[in-house]
Amino acid sequence: MGLEKLLPCTVKLSNILAKSGHDVLCVIDRAVPAELADIFEEHRSFDKAFDSVVSCFKSANLDLPVIYAPVEELTDYADVRSYQKAAAQSLQRAIKAGFQSPLLVVPNSKRFSQAELCTVLGALEELYVPIQLREDVPSKKQRINSLSVLINNPNAEKIMQEALILESGRLIARDIGGGDPERMAPPLVEAYIKPLFANLSVQVINDVNVINKEYPLFAAVNRAAHSVERHQGRIIFLEYKPPNPARKTVMLVGKGVTYDTGGADIKAGGVMAGMSRDKCGAAAVAGFMQVVSQQKPKDIHVIGALCLVRNSVGEECYVSDELITSRAGVRVRIGNTDAEGRMCMADVLCRMKELAIEGNLPDPHIFTIATLTGHAFISAGEGQSIIVDNSVAAKEDHARRLQAAGQAYGEPFEVSVLRQCDFDFNAAKAMGEDVVQANNAPSVKTPRGHQVPAAFMIKATGLDKHGVNSKQPLKYTHLDIAGSAGEYPNMPTAAPIVALVKTHLVD
C-alpha cells in the first residue's frame, strides 16, 4: 500500500521560512531561526517561564503566528525523546489553537545525532488518529490538513523519506495494537493485514485441525475462543525474499493476544481493563514488515509471524495442571492460564527454528516480541523495553547493539541476562512432564519474572539444543515490551520498530 494512504495528513518538505501555504510556525528549540531572534529575546525579557512552557504569539517579522515548545533542559541522563516530546507539544498547541497547516522547524543537535529524524517522528506520532475513530467518524480521520517540515540539512530529503516509511510501519502497529477487542479480533486483523502486503508472501493458518495438530500450545489458548467465530485464532506468516542472495535472515514472532481475560486464572480486581493492548507484539511485527516492504532490502530475508488469539474463559478454556505436548515434543505442564503469551508464541517460535534449520537460512536471528510480563514493566519502567538474548546472540553482543540503536532513536532498552536459575525455575517437578509453563503467582511477585518466560520458550521449542557449542547454533532474542508499548489511555507507541529497523535492516 502506498505511503500516502498510511499517513495522517499531507506531509511535505519545505525550504522556506515564510507564509507560503502555512498558517503557523512551530519552533521547538532554544536556538531559534535568526528571523525570530529579536522577538524571542523580547519575550524572554518579561516572561521567566518562556523557555519552559508552550507559548503561542504573533510574529510581525514573518506575518505568521508562532508556537514555541522548548526542548526541556537536557541533563546528563536525558535522551532524544526530549525532542520528540517538544515536537508533539508544539502540534498539540497548534491543533488546540485551530491551525490546520503548521510548518515545523526541525532543529539539529550536537549531542543527539538522530534528533532531526526523531523530531519528525515525534510530530507524526502526535498526528495519529485511532483506526476506529477514522472509520466511525470520517470527518475526524485527520487532525490537520497538512504538515510542512523544514530541515536544515543536506540530507533533508532522505531524512524525510525515512521518517515517512518508519511512520507508515508505526501507524499499522498502532492500528492493530490500539484497536479494541472486537475491531481487532483475529479474523479482522487478518482482513486488515492482507491488503497491506501485496508484495509479500502471506500465509494464514486458520484451520482449527491444523492448529490443533501443528501448534498445540497455541491451540490450548485458542480453545475457548474458537467457539465464537469472530474470535477464532489466526497465525499469520509474512515473508519477504530479497532480490539478491540473502546474507542474513531476520525472523520475528509477535504475541497477538487480542484480549486477555487471564483465562481460567481470571484477571480479577479490575486489572483486566487495557488487555486489548496485549497484541502489541504482533502489531510491532506487522509494522516492521511494512517497513521491510517499503525499504526492500537487497540481501536480507525477513519472516514475520503474528500469533493472534483471544485468551477467553468458558467451558472450553484450558486450565492449570493440563499436560500438553508442544510442537517440539516437549511435555508442558500448565501452571497458570494467564501465562498465555509464551504459550501462543512457543510453537510458532519452534516453526521458525525449523525453517532456519531445514531451509539452511543464512545467519538466522529469531525474535519473540511481546507485552509479556508486568515484571518487565516494573523492572524497566514505563517507556523502556527489555532485551533477553540467548547464549548465541549474547556471544555476538547483540543486546548492546540493539540497545545502542534504541538509545539513538528514542526507543530505549534495558538488557537482561539469562541464567541457569531461569531454566531451573521451569524444570519438571513430577514424573511425566518435561517443563512447567509457569508458577501460579503474578510475574510481579515472581523473582526474575521476565527472564523465566524466555527460558521457558527456549526449552519448550527445543532451542536449548542449539546453543553455542551445538552443531547448529541459533541466535534467539526475546523482547518484552510491556513497559514501552503504551499504557491505556495513551496511544500505542509502536516500539520497538525503529530500533529493530536500525539494527537489522541496515545495509
Protein backbone atom coordinates (compact mmCIF):
# COMPACT_ATOMS: atom_id res chain seq x y z
CA MET A 1 0.00 0.00 0.00
CA GLY A 2 1.31 3.47 -0.87
CA LEU A 3 2.71 5.67 1.86
CA GLU A 4 0.23 8.46 1.19
CA LYS A 5 -2.67 6.21 2.27
CA LEU A 6 -0.98 5.41 5.57
CA LEU A 7 -0.02 8.92 6.63
CA PRO A 8 -2.11 11.08 8.98
CA CYS A 9 -2.27 14.01 6.52
CA THR A 10 -0.37 15.54 3.62
CA VAL A 11 3.28 15.71 4.74
CA LYS A 12 5.83 17.66 2.74
CA LEU A 13 9.33 19.07 2.96
CA SER A 14 9.67 22.86 2.97
CA ASN A 15 12.69 25.03 2.26
CA ILE A 16 11.24 28.40 3.14
CA LEU A 17 10.61 30.05 6.50
CA ALA A 18 7.70 32.25 5.45
CA LYS A 19 3.96 32.28 4.97
CA SER A 20 3.76 30.02 1.97
CA GLY A 21 0.93 27.55 2.44
CA HIS A 22 1.43 27.54 6.23
CA ASP A 23 -0.76 29.10 8.89
CA VAL A 24 1.55 28.73 11.91
CA LEU A 25 5.24 28.25 12.61
CA CYS A 26 6.19 25.60 15.19
CA VAL A 27 9.58 26.11 16.84
CA ILE A 28 10.87 23.63 19.41
CA ASP A 29 14.49 24.52 20.06
CA ARG A 30 16.03 27.39 22.00
CA ALA A 31 18.41 28.03 19.10
CA VAL A 32 15.69 29.79 17.12
CA PRO A 33 15.81 30.92 13.46
CA ALA A 34 17.58 34.24 13.00
CA GLU A 35 14.39 35.90 11.75
CA LEU A 36 12.80 35.29 15.16
CA ALA A 37 15.74 36.02 17.45
CA ASP A 38 14.62 39.55 18.41
CA ILE A 39 11.04 38.66 19.26
CA PHE A 40 12.16 35.62 21.26
CA GLU A 41 14.52 37.80 23.29
CA GLU A 42 11.72 40.28 23.86
CA HIS A 43 9.51 37.56 25.28
CA ARG A 44 12.31 36.28 27.48
CA SER A 45 12.80 39.77 28.89
CA PHE A 46 9.40 39.79 30.60
CA ASP A 47 8.45 36.10 30.81
CA LYS A 48 10.71 33.98 33.01
CA ALA A 49 8.75 30.87 32.01
CA PHE A 50 9.22 31.45 28.29
CA ASP A 51 11.77 28.63 27.86
CA SER A 52 9.87 26.14 29.97
CA VAL A 53 6.25 26.28 28.76
CA VAL A 54 4.48 26.23 25.40
CA SER A 55 3.75 29.72 24.02
CA CYS A 56 1.66 31.00 21.13
CA PHE A 57 2.15 34.53 19.79
CA LYS A 58 2.18 36.65 16.66
CA SER A 59 5.37 37.44 14.75
CA ALA A 60 5.42 40.70 12.86
CA ASN A 61 8.72 39.71 11.25
CA LEU A 62 7.17 36.79 9.40
CA ASP A 63 3.50 37.80 9.45
CA LEU A 64 2.87 34.35 10.84
CA PRO A 65 1.77 33.09 14.28
CA VAL A 66 4.44 31.22 16.22
CA ILE A 67 4.15 28.30 18.61
CA TYR A 68 7.19 27.74 20.78
CA ALA A 69 7.50 24.42 22.58
CA PRO A 70 11.01 24.46 24.07
CA VAL A 71 13.02 21.29 24.45
CA GLU A 72 13.26 20.61 28.15
CA GLU A 73 16.56 21.22 29.90
CA LEU A 74 18.89 18.39 28.95
CA THR A 75 20.57 16.76 31.91
CA ASP A 76 23.33 14.18 31.63
CA TYR A 77 20.64 11.49 31.64
CA ALA A 78 18.22 12.95 29.09
CA ASP A 79 17.79 11.32 25.69
CA VAL A 80 16.48 12.23 22.26
CA ARG A 81 12.88 11.71 23.37
CA SER A 82 13.06 15.28 24.70
CA TYR A 83 12.94 16.46 21.08
CA GLN A 84 10.08 14.12 20.23
CA LYS A 85 8.13 15.38 23.23
CA ALA A 86 8.63 19.03 22.24
CA ALA A 87 7.56 18.34 18.66
CA ALA A 88 4.40 16.64 19.92
CA GLN A 89 3.65 19.52 22.30
CA SER A 90 4.01 22.08 19.51
CA LEU A 91 1.47 20.28 17.35
CA GLN A 92 -0.88 19.74 20.28
CA ARG A 93 -0.91 23.50 20.80
CA ALA A 94 -1.34 24.20 17.09
CA ILE A 95 -4.35 21.89 16.92
CA LYS A 96 -5.93 23.44 20.03
CA ALA A 97 -5.47 26.88 18.51
CA GLY A 98 -7.29 25.78 15.36
CA PHE A 99 -4.39 25.84 12.91
CA GLN A 100 -4.52 23.39 10.01
CA SER A 101 -1.23 23.78 8.14
CA PRO A 102 1.73 24.10 10.54
CA LEU A 103 5.33 24.44 9.47
CA LEU A 104 7.62 22.59 11.89
CA VAL A 105 11.17 23.93 12.15
CA VAL A 106 13.30 20.88 12.89
CA PRO A 107 16.42 21.54 14.98
CA ASN A 108 19.69 19.71 14.80
CA SER A 109 21.68 18.69 17.83
CA LYS A 110 25.37 18.24 18.50
CA ARG A 111 24.53 15.85 21.31
CA PHE A 112 21.92 13.67 19.59
CA SER A 113 22.91 12.67 16.07
CA GLN A 114 19.40 11.49 15.15
CA ALA A 115 17.49 14.44 16.60
CA GLU A 116 16.14 15.54 13.22
CA LEU A 117 14.63 12.18 12.31
CA CYS A 118 13.31 11.67 15.83
CA THR A 119 11.73 15.14 15.87
CA VAL A 120 9.80 14.41 12.69
CA LEU A 121 8.72 11.04 14.09
CA GLY A 122 7.53 12.74 17.27
CA ALA A 123 5.40 15.14 15.24
CA LEU A 124 3.91 12.39 13.08
CA GLU A 125 3.10 10.30 16.14
CA GLU A 126 1.12 13.18 17.62
CA LEU A 127 -0.98 13.40 14.45
CA TYR A 128 -2.10 9.76 14.62
CA VAL A 129 -5.87 9.19 14.75
CA PRO A 130 -7.11 5.80 16.07
CA ILE A 131 -8.46 3.48 13.41
CA GLN A 132 -11.92 3.21 14.93
CA LEU A 133 -12.34 6.98 15.04
CA ARG A 134 -11.17 7.23 11.42
CA GLU A 135 -13.66 4.58 10.37
CA ASP A 136 -16.63 5.60 12.52
CA VAL A 137 -16.33 9.38 12.16
CA PRO A 138 -14.69 10.07 8.76
CA SER A 139 -14.80 13.81 9.38
CA LYS A 140 -12.21 13.27 12.13
CA LYS A 141 -9.89 10.99 10.18
CA GLN A 142 -7.10 13.58 10.32
CA ARG A 143 -6.25 16.22 12.89
CA ILE A 144 -4.82 18.78 10.46
CA ASN A 145 -4.82 19.23 6.69
CA SER A 146 -1.07 19.29 6.11
CA LEU A 147 2.27 19.30 7.87
CA SER A 148 5.30 21.01 6.36
CA VAL A 149 8.74 20.29 7.72
CA LEU A 150 11.83 22.48 7.44
CA ILE A 151 15.08 20.57 7.93
CA ASN A 152 18.36 22.47 7.59
CA ASN A 153 20.42 19.51 6.45
CA PRO A 154 21.85 18.46 3.06
CA ASN A 155 20.19 15.08 3.66
CA ALA A 156 16.79 16.60 4.41
CA GLU A 157 15.03 14.67 1.65
CA LYS A 158 16.47 11.37 2.87
CA ILE A 159 15.56 12.12 6.49
CA MET A 160 12.01 12.99 5.47
CA GLN A 161 11.53 9.89 3.35
CA GLU A 162 12.90 7.68 6.07
CA ALA A 163 10.56 9.24 8.63
CA LEU A 164 7.56 8.62 6.36
CA ILE A 165 8.48 4.97 5.84
CA LEU A 166 9.04 4.39 9.53
CA GLU A 167 5.80 6.16 10.40
CA SER A 168 3.85 4.01 7.94
CA GLY A 169 5.00 0.95 9.88
CA ARG A 170 4.32 2.56 13.22
CA LEU A 171 0.81 3.56 12.09
CA ILE A 172 -0.02 -0.06 11.23
CA ALA A 173 1.31 -1.15 14.61
CA ARG A 174 -0.81 1.46 16.40
CA ASP A 175 -3.90 0.45 14.45
CA ILE A 176 -3.56 -3.21 15.41
CA GLY A 177 -2.28 -2.60 18.92
CA GLY A 178 -4.83 0.08 19.78
CA GLY A 179 -7.91 -1.41 18.11
CA ASP A 180 -10.47 -2.65 20.61
CA PRO A 181 -11.04 -6.41 21.22
CA GLU A 182 -13.75 -6.60 18.56
CA ARG A 183 -12.32 -4.30 15.87
CA MET A 184 -9.01 -6.13 16.01
CA ALA A 185 -10.19 -9.64 16.83
CA PRO A 186 -8.02 -12.21 14.99
CA PRO A 187 -10.14 -12.55 11.82
CA LEU A 188 -10.33 -8.78 11.46
CA VAL A 189 -6.58 -8.40 11.92
CA GLU A 190 -6.26 -10.85 9.03
CA ALA A 191 -8.66 -8.74 6.95
CA TYR A 192 -6.69 -5.60 7.84
CA ILE A 193 -3.32 -7.18 7.06
CA LYS A 194 -3.97 -8.78 3.68
CA PRO A 195 -4.43 -5.66 1.52
CA LEU A 196 -1.34 -4.04 3.03
CA PHE A 197 1.20 -6.61 1.93
CA ALA A 198 0.56 -7.40 -1.72
CA ASN A 199 4.32 -7.52 -2.32
CA LEU A 200 4.95 -10.03 0.48
CA SER A 201 4.09 -13.70 0.81
CA VAL A 202 1.13 -14.01 3.22
CA GLN A 203 0.17 -17.35 4.76
CA VAL A 204 -2.81 -17.52 7.10
CA ILE A 205 -3.35 -20.58 9.28
CA ASN A 206 -6.96 -20.65 10.41
CA ASP A 207 -7.93 -24.32 10.09
CA VAL A 208 -8.51 -25.46 13.65
CA ASN A 209 -7.45 -29.00 12.78
CA VAL A 210 -4.10 -27.76 11.51
CA ILE A 211 -3.71 -25.53 14.56
CA ASN A 212 -4.54 -28.35 16.96
CA LYS A 213 -2.08 -30.71 15.28
CA GLU A 214 0.84 -28.41 14.48
CA TYR A 215 0.55 -25.64 17.09
CA PRO A 216 -0.82 -27.42 20.19
CA LEU A 217 0.23 -24.79 22.75
CA PHE A 218 -1.40 -22.03 20.68
CA ALA A 219 -4.43 -24.32 20.28
CA ALA A 220 -4.83 -24.60 24.04
CA VAL A 221 -5.20 -20.82 24.37
CA ASN A 222 -7.49 -20.73 21.32
CA ARG A 223 -9.79 -23.47 22.62
CA ALA A 224 -12.35 -21.31 24.41
CA ALA A 225 -12.28 -18.51 21.83
CA HIS A 226 -12.75 -20.91 18.90
CA SER A 227 -16.38 -21.49 19.83
CA VAL A 228 -17.09 -17.85 18.88
CA GLU A 229 -16.50 -17.43 15.15
CA ARG A 230 -15.48 -13.78 15.28
CA HIS A 231 -12.83 -14.59 17.95
CA GLN A 232 -11.24 -17.61 16.28
CA GLY A 233 -7.46 -17.59 16.29
CA ARG A 234 -5.13 -16.91 13.40
CA ILE A 235 -1.44 -17.50 12.81
CA ILE A 236 -0.23 -15.24 10.01
CA PHE A 237 3.18 -15.61 8.38
CA LEU A 238 4.55 -12.71 6.32
CA GLU A 239 7.67 -13.29 4.25
CA TYR A 240 9.95 -11.04 2.24
CA LYS A 241 12.55 -12.62 -0.05
CA PRO A 242 15.26 -10.25 -1.29
CA PRO A 243 16.21 -9.96 -4.97
CA ASN A 244 19.84 -10.92 -4.23
CA PRO A 245 21.15 -13.93 -2.29
CA ALA A 246 20.46 -13.26 1.37
CA ARG A 247 23.35 -12.59 3.71
CA LYS A 248 21.19 -12.84 6.82
CA THR A 249 17.69 -13.76 7.95
CA VAL A 250 15.53 -11.89 10.46
CA MET A 251 12.67 -13.94 11.92
CA LEU A 252 10.09 -12.25 14.16
CA VAL A 253 7.32 -13.84 16.24
CA GLY A 254 4.80 -11.47 17.83
CA LYS A 255 2.35 -12.05 20.65
CA GLY A 256 -1.09 -11.05 19.41
CA VAL A 257 -3.44 -11.72 22.31
CA THR A 258 -6.37 -9.62 21.15
CA TYR A 259 -7.91 -9.74 24.61
CA ASP A 260 -6.57 -11.34 27.75
CA THR A 261 -9.11 -12.25 30.40
CA GLY A 262 -6.49 -14.38 32.09
CA GLY A 263 -8.47 -17.46 31.11
CA ALA A 264 -9.45 -19.78 33.95
CA ASP A 265 -6.91 -17.95 36.14
CA ILE A 266 -9.02 -14.89 35.50
CA LYS A 267 -7.73 -11.37 35.99
CA ALA A 268 -9.66 -10.10 38.98
CA GLY A 269 -9.74 -6.86 40.94
CA GLY A 270 -10.17 -4.56 37.96
CA VAL A 271 -6.87 -5.42 36.25
CA MET A 272 -8.47 -6.71 33.05
CA ALA A 273 -9.04 -3.25 31.60
CA GLY A 274 -6.46 -2.42 28.94
CA MET A 275 -5.86 -6.04 28.00
CA SER A 276 -6.73 -5.34 24.36
CA ARG A 277 -3.17 -3.93 24.23
CA ASP A 278 -1.79 -7.45 24.72
CA LYS A 279 -1.41 -7.71 20.95
CA CYS A 280 1.24 -5.01 20.60
CA GLY A 281 3.99 -7.57 19.95
CA ALA A 282 2.22 -8.89 16.86
CA ALA A 283 1.38 -5.29 15.95
CA ALA A 284 5.09 -4.42 16.03
CA VAL A 285 5.89 -7.37 13.77
CA ALA A 286 3.29 -6.17 11.25
CA GLY A 287 4.72 -2.66 11.42
CA PHE A 288 8.25 -3.94 10.93
CA MET A 289 7.12 -5.90 7.87
CA GLN A 290 5.57 -2.72 6.46
CA VAL A 291 8.97 -1.02 6.69
CA VAL A 292 10.56 -4.06 5.03
CA SER A 293 8.01 -3.91 2.21
CA GLN A 294 8.88 -0.24 1.61
CA GLN A 295 12.65 -0.43 2.03
CA LYS A 296 13.01 -3.67 0.04
CA PRO A 297 16.44 -4.65 1.40
CA LYS A 298 18.56 -6.22 -1.32
CA ASP A 299 20.03 -9.11 0.64
CA ILE A 300 18.06 -9.56 3.88
CA HIS A 301 15.46 -12.31 4.15
CA VAL A 302 12.67 -11.45 6.62
CA ILE A 303 9.90 -13.64 8.02
CA GLY A 304 7.33 -12.33 10.46
CA ALA A 305 4.63 -14.25 12.33
CA LEU A 306 1.59 -12.85 14.13
CA CYS A 307 0.16 -15.14 16.80
CA LEU A 308 -3.39 -13.83 17.05
CA VAL A 309 -5.60 -15.35 19.73
CA ARG A 310 -8.06 -14.32 22.39
CA ASN A 311 -7.49 -15.73 25.88
CA SER A 312 -11.13 -16.32 26.70
CA VAL A 313 -12.76 -18.03 29.66
CA GLY A 314 -15.54 -20.61 29.41
CA GLU A 315 -16.33 -24.31 29.29
CA GLU A 316 -13.63 -24.95 26.70
CA CYS A 317 -10.80 -22.92 28.24
CA TYR A 318 -7.55 -24.62 29.11
CA VAL A 319 -6.74 -24.88 32.80
CA SER A 320 -3.79 -25.25 35.12
CA ASP A 321 -2.49 -28.81 35.61
CA GLU A 322 -3.08 -29.79 31.97
CA LEU A 323 -0.24 -31.62 30.22
CA ILE A 324 0.22 -30.53 26.61
CA THR A 325 2.95 -31.73 24.26
CA SER A 326 4.47 -28.86 22.29
CA ARG A 327 5.33 -28.89 18.59
CA ALA A 328 8.90 -29.74 19.62
CA GLY A 329 7.71 -32.80 21.54
CA VAL A 330 8.23 -31.23 24.96
CA ARG A 331 5.63 -32.15 27.57
CA VAL A 332 4.42 -28.93 29.16
CA ARG A 333 2.60 -28.77 32.49
CA ILE A 334 0.30 -25.73 32.64
CA GLY A 335 0.81 -23.71 35.81
CA ASN A 336 -1.18 -20.56 35.04
CA THR A 337 -3.53 -19.81 32.16
CA ASP A 338 -2.66 -16.12 32.44
CA ALA A 339 0.79 -17.02 31.11
CA GLU A 340 -0.80 -17.42 27.68
CA GLY A 341 1.69 -15.23 25.81
CA ARG A 342 4.53 -17.73 25.97
CA MET A 343 2.01 -20.44 25.03
CA CYS A 344 0.72 -18.75 21.89
CA MET A 345 4.24 -17.94 20.64
CA ALA A 346 6.19 -21.09 21.54
CA ASP A 347 5.06 -23.41 18.73
CA VAL A 348 5.38 -20.63 16.15
CA LEU A 349 8.86 -19.95 17.51
CA CYS A 350 9.55 -23.67 17.06
CA ARG A 351 8.38 -23.41 13.47
CA MET A 352 10.80 -20.54 12.89
CA LYS A 353 13.56 -22.72 14.31
CA GLU A 354 12.62 -25.48 11.85
CA LEU A 355 12.58 -23.04 8.92
CA ALA A 356 16.02 -21.74 9.87
CA ILE A 357 17.48 -25.24 10.06
CA GLU A 358 15.63 -27.08 7.30
CA GLY A 359 15.89 -24.16 4.89
CA ASN A 360 19.55 -23.65 5.72
CA LEU A 361 18.78 -19.95 6.00
CA PRO A 362 21.84 -17.68 6.15
CA ASP A 363 22.74 -16.20 9.54
CA PRO A 364 19.27 -16.51 11.08
CA HIS A 365 18.26 -14.49 14.14
CA ILE A 366 14.90 -15.32 15.71
CA PHE A 367 12.93 -12.92 17.93
CA THR A 368 9.86 -13.02 20.10
CA ILE A 369 8.23 -9.66 20.76
CA ALA A 370 5.56 -9.41 23.42
CA THR A 371 3.83 -7.35 26.07
CA LEU A 372 4.59 -10.37 28.18
CA THR A 373 5.01 -9.52 31.86
CA GLY A 374 4.13 -6.94 34.45
CA HIS A 375 7.56 -7.77 35.85
CA ALA A 376 9.18 -6.18 32.78
CA PHE A 377 7.13 -3.05 33.35
CA ILE A 378 8.16 -2.63 36.97
CA SER A 379 11.76 -3.66 36.21
CA ALA A 380 12.43 -1.26 33.34
CA GLY A 381 9.75 1.33 33.99
CA GLU A 382 7.36 2.96 31.57
CA GLY A 383 8.93 3.77 28.22
CA GLN A 384 11.66 1.13 28.21
CA SER A 385 11.76 -2.32 26.57
CA ILE A 386 13.77 -5.28 27.80
CA ILE A 387 16.17 -7.42 25.76
CA VAL A 388 16.92 -11.03 26.70
CA ASP A 389 19.49 -12.73 24.43
CA ASN A 390 20.19 -16.44 24.39
CA SER A 391 23.79 -17.59 24.64
CA VAL A 392 24.39 -17.45 20.88
CA ALA A 393 23.05 -13.92 20.42
CA ALA A 394 24.85 -12.79 23.59
CA LYS A 395 28.14 -14.07 22.20
CA GLU A 396 27.78 -11.56 19.36
CA ASP A 397 26.96 -8.77 21.82
CA HIS A 398 23.64 -8.32 20.07
CA ALA A 399 21.75 -6.82 23.02
CA ARG A 400 24.23 -3.97 23.37
CA ARG A 401 23.98 -3.13 19.66
CA LEU A 402 20.19 -3.10 19.80
CA GLN A 403 20.32 -1.06 22.99
CA ALA A 404 22.62 1.49 21.32
CA ALA A 405 20.21 1.85 18.39
CA GLY A 406 17.29 2.24 20.76
CA GLN A 407 19.11 4.96 22.67
CA ALA A 408 19.92 6.84 19.47
CA TYR A 409 16.40 6.67 18.06
CA GLY A 410 14.26 7.18 21.14
CA GLU A 411 13.33 3.56 21.89
CA PRO A 412 15.48 2.72 24.92
CA PHE A 413 16.12 -0.80 26.20
CA GLU A 414 17.33 -2.38 29.38
CA VAL A 415 19.42 -5.53 28.94
CA SER A 416 18.65 -8.63 30.99
CA VAL A 417 20.75 -11.79 31.15
CA LEU A 418 19.52 -15.37 31.13
CA ARG A 419 20.89 -17.53 33.94
CA GLN A 420 20.69 -21.19 34.85
CA CYS A 421 18.23 -20.39 37.62
CA ASP A 422 15.72 -19.25 34.99
CA PHE A 423 15.76 -22.72 33.43
CA ASP A 424 15.72 -24.39 36.82
CA PHE A 425 12.55 -22.47 37.65
CA ASN A 426 10.78 -24.13 34.70
CA ALA A 427 12.21 -27.59 35.36
CA ALA A 428 9.86 -30.57 35.63
CA LYS A 429 8.51 -31.15 39.10
CA ALA A 430 6.78 -34.51 38.61
CA MET A 431 7.17 -37.63 36.51
CA GLY A 432 5.59 -37.28 33.06
CA GLU A 433 6.35 -33.60 32.49
CA ASP A 434 9.39 -32.04 30.84
CA VAL A 435 8.85 -28.41 31.72
CA VAL A 436 6.46 -26.34 33.82
CA GLN A 437 4.90 -23.41 31.97
CA ALA A 438 4.62 -21.00 34.92
CA ASN A 439 4.02 -20.74 38.63
CA ASN A 440 0.64 -19.61 39.96
CA ALA A 441 1.75 -16.18 41.11
CA PRO A 442 1.73 -12.96 39.06
CA SER A 443 5.03 -12.17 37.35
CA VAL A 444 5.37 -9.04 39.51
CA LYS A 445 5.57 -11.30 42.56
CA THR A 446 7.94 -13.77 40.92
CA PRO A 447 11.71 -13.23 41.15
CA ARG A 448 13.16 -12.88 37.65
CA GLY A 449 9.60 -12.75 36.36
CA HIS A 450 10.53 -11.60 32.85
CA GLN A 451 13.59 -13.80 32.35
CA VAL A 452 11.80 -17.03 33.27
CA PRO A 453 9.37 -16.90 30.29
CA ALA A 454 12.30 -16.56 27.87
CA ALA A 455 13.87 -19.66 29.40
CA PHE A 456 10.55 -21.49 29.07
CA MET A 457 10.30 -20.66 25.35
CA ILE A 458 13.85 -21.84 24.76
CA LYS A 459 13.10 -25.14 26.50
CA ALA A 460 9.61 -25.74 25.09
CA THR A 461 10.77 -25.19 21.50
CA GLY A 462 13.98 -27.20 21.58
CA LEU A 463 16.09 -24.08 21.13
CA ASP A 464 18.13 -25.27 24.09
CA LYS A 465 19.60 -27.85 21.68
CA HIS A 466 21.01 -25.02 19.55
CA GLY A 467 23.34 -23.29 21.95
CA VAL A 468 26.87 -22.01 21.49
CA ASN A 469 28.54 -25.43 21.39
CA SER A 470 25.90 -27.22 19.32
CA LYS A 471 26.25 -28.28 15.69
CA GLN A 472 23.73 -25.63 14.64
CA PRO A 473 23.83 -22.62 16.98
CA LEU A 474 20.83 -20.32 16.60
CA LYS A 475 20.55 -16.72 17.74
CA TYR A 476 17.37 -16.00 19.68
CA THR A 477 16.28 -12.79 21.38
CA HIS A 478 13.19 -12.17 23.47
CA LEU A 479 11.91 -8.58 23.65
CA ASP A 480 9.48 -7.79 26.45
CA ILE A 481 7.76 -4.53 25.54
CA ALA A 482 5.27 -4.41 28.41
CA GLY A 483 6.84 -1.15 29.59
CA SER A 484 7.19 0.52 26.21
CA ALA A 485 4.18 -0.48 24.11
CA GLY A 486 1.95 2.22 25.58
CA GLU A 487 -0.43 2.02 28.51
CA TYR A 488 -4.10 2.85 28.06
CA PRO A 489 -5.34 5.60 27.77
CA ASN A 490 -2.18 6.71 25.97
CA MET A 491 -1.72 5.74 22.33
CA PRO A 492 0.33 2.66 21.47
CA THR A 493 3.91 3.67 20.78
CA ALA A 494 4.79 1.05 18.13
CA ALA A 495 8.07 0.34 19.95
CA PRO A 496 10.50 -1.21 19.13
CA ILE A 497 10.10 -0.98 15.35
CA VAL A 498 12.62 1.82 14.76
CA ALA A 499 15.38 0.24 16.85
CA LEU A 500 14.91 -3.12 15.13
CA VAL A 501 14.99 -1.50 11.70
CA LYS A 502 18.14 0.42 12.54
CA THR A 503 19.86 -2.67 13.91
CA HIS A 504 18.75 -5.34 11.45
CA LEU A 505 17.78 -3.69 8.15
CA VAL A 506 20.95 -1.67 7.69
CA ASP A 507 22.99 -2.25 4.53
